[in-house]
Amino acid sequence: MLYFFGSSHHSTDNDFIFLKQFQTLVNVIPVIAKADSFKSQELLALKSDIIYNANKRKVTFFDCIEAIDNVS
């Protein structure tokens, strides 16, 4: 499942409540909507916010690199 984080500069509690419920059913790939409209520092801050909140709430995202390594 591609999960698009909104174009705001921070993630919300509702994002992670939703993701927590679905992570057991499907692989979740986070996507930042309109990422090209952010300045590089803003994008880095949003990525850090998403990672911090995901770790805090024990939400896991699909690891593409690990999946590729497991195939070979």
C-alpha atoms as a PDB file:
ATOM      1  CA  MET A   1       0.000   0.000   0.000  1.00  0.00           C
ATOM      2  CA  LEU A   2       1.344   3.392  -0.902  1.00  0.00           C
ATOM      3  CA  TYR A   3       0.565   5.800   1.929  1.00  0.00           C
ATOM      4  CA  PHE A   4       0.785   9.434   0.937  1.00  0.00           C
ATOM      5  CA  PHE A   5       1.664  11.814   3.736  1.00  0.00           C
ATOM      6  CA  GLY A   6      -0.055  15.153   3.111  1.00  0.00           C
ATOM      7  CA  SER A   7       1.694  18.264   1.955  1.00  0.00           C
ATOM      8  CA  SER A   8       1.867  19.728   5.475  1.00  0.00           C
ATOM      9  CA  HIS A   9       5.221  19.987   7.200  1.00  0.00           C
ATOM     10  CA  HIS A  10       4.487  17.328   9.820  1.00  0.00           C
ATOM     11  CA  SER A  11       2.779  13.981  10.172  1.00  0.00           C
ATOM     12  CA  THR A  12      -0.395  13.595  12.224  1.00  0.00           C
ATOM     13  CA  ASP A  13      -1.528  11.155  14.884  1.00  0.00           C
ATOM     14  CA  ASN A  14      -4.259   9.967  12.522  1.00  0.00           C
ATOM     15  CA  ASP A  15      -1.609   8.964   9.968  1.00  0.00           C
ATOM     16  CA  PHE A  16      -0.070   6.530  12.412  1.00  0.00           C
ATOM     17  CA  ILE A  17      -3.350   5.259  13.864  1.00  0.00           C
ATOM     18  CA  PHE A  18      -4.356   4.299  10.333  1.00  0.00           C
ATOM     19  CA  LEU A  19      -0.958   2.799   9.487  1.00  0.00           C
ATOM     20  CA  LYS A  20      -0.835   0.763  12.701  1.00  0.00           C
ATOM     21  CA  GLN A  21      -4.089  -0.940  11.736  1.00  0.00           C
ATOM     22  CA  PHE A  22      -3.052  -1.722   8.164  1.00  0.00           C
ATOM     23  CA  GLN A  23       0.591  -2.747   8.659  1.00  0.00           C
ATOM     24  CA  THR A  24      -0.477  -6.253   9.692  1.00  0.00           C
ATOM     25  CA  LEU A  25      -2.527  -6.687   6.507  1.00  0.00           C
ATOM     26  CA  VAL A  26      -0.352  -5.177   3.773  1.00  0.00           C
ATOM     27  CA  ASN A  27       3.133  -3.861   3.134  1.00  0.00           C
ATOM     28  CA  VAL A  28       3.188  -0.095   3.659  1.00  0.00           C
ATOM     29  CA  ILE A  29       5.397   2.184   1.555  1.00  0.00           C
ATOM     30  CA  PRO A  30       5.461   5.806   2.729  1.00  0.00           C
ATOM     31  CA  VAL A  31       5.351   8.550   0.089  1.00  0.00           C
ATOM     32  CA  ILE A  32       5.593  12.290   0.688  1.00  0.00           C
ATOM     33  CA  ALA A  33       2.990  14.023  -1.452  1.00  0.00           C
ATOM     34  CA  LYS A  34       4.291  16.973  -3.461  1.00  0.00           C
ATOM     35  CA  ALA A  35       7.842  16.339  -2.214  1.00  0.00           C
ATOM     36  CA  ASP A  36       9.236  18.384  -5.097  1.00  0.00           C
ATOM     37  CA  SER A  37       7.619  21.528  -3.664  1.00  0.00           C
ATOM     38  CA  PHE A  38       9.604  21.313  -0.398  1.00  0.00           C
ATOM     39  CA  LYS A  39      12.953  22.957   0.211  1.00  0.00           C
ATOM     40  CA  SER A  40      15.612  20.359   1.012  1.00  0.00           C
ATOM     41  CA  GLN A  41      15.697  21.269   4.728  1.00  0.00           C
ATOM     42  CA  GLU A  42      11.895  21.069   4.950  1.00  0.00           C
ATOM     43  CA  LEU A  43      11.896  17.665   3.265  1.00  0.00           C
ATOM     44  CA  LEU A  44      14.584  16.378   5.614  1.00  0.00           C
ATOM     45  CA  ALA A  45      12.615  17.656   8.626  1.00  0.00           C
ATOM     46  CA  LEU A  46       9.431  15.940   7.411  1.00  0.00           C
ATOM     47  CA  LYS A  47      11.264  12.657   6.762  1.00  0.00           C
ATOM     48  CA  SER A  48      12.775  12.826  10.250  1.00  0.00           C
ATOM     49  CA  ASP A  49       9.343  13.541  11.750  1.00  0.00           C
ATOM     50  CA  ILE A  50       7.817  10.552   9.958  1.00  0.00           C
ATOM     51  CA  ILE A  51      10.629   8.207  11.009  1.00  0.00           C
ATOM     52  CA  TYR A  52      10.553   9.440  14.615  1.00  0.00           C
ATOM     53  CA  ASN A  53       6.780   9.031  14.935  1.00  0.00           C
ATOM     54  CA  ALA A  54       6.801   5.638  13.208  1.00  0.00           C
ATOM     55  CA  ASN A  55       9.448   4.337  15.602  1.00  0.00           C
ATOM     56  CA  LYS A  56       7.653   5.834  18.610  1.00  0.00           C
ATOM     57  CA  ARG A  57       4.370   4.167  17.643  1.00  0.00           C
ATOM     58  CA  LYS A  58       5.982   0.904  16.429  1.00  0.00           C
ATOM     59  CA  VAL A  59       4.797   1.336  12.858  1.00  0.00           C
ATOM     60  CA  THR A  60       6.951  -0.462  10.304  1.00  0.00           C
ATOM     61  CA  PHE A  61       7.346   0.302   6.635  1.00  0.00           C
ATOM     62  CA  PHE A  62       8.141  -2.129   3.838  1.00  0.00           C
ATOM     63  CA  ASP A  63      11.910  -2.443   3.369  1.00  0.00           C
ATOM     64  CA  CYS A  64      12.470  -2.748  -0.397  1.00  0.00           C
ATOM     65  CA  ILE A  65      16.192  -3.378  -0.089  1.00  0.00           C
ATOM     66  CA  GLU A  66      15.719  -6.214   2.399  1.00  0.00           C
ATOM     67  CA  ALA A  67      13.066  -7.776   0.150  1.00  0.00           C
ATOM     68  CA  ILE A  68      15.412  -7.665  -2.864  1.00  0.00           C
ATOM     69  CA  ASP A  69      18.237  -9.202  -0.817  1.00  0.00           C
ATOM     70  CA  ASN A  70      15.944 -12.025   0.318  1.00  0.00           C
ATOM     71  CA  VAL A  71      15.049 -12.927  -3.264  1.00  0.00           C
ATOM     72  CA  SER A  72      18.624 -13.546  -4.369  1.00  0.00           C
END
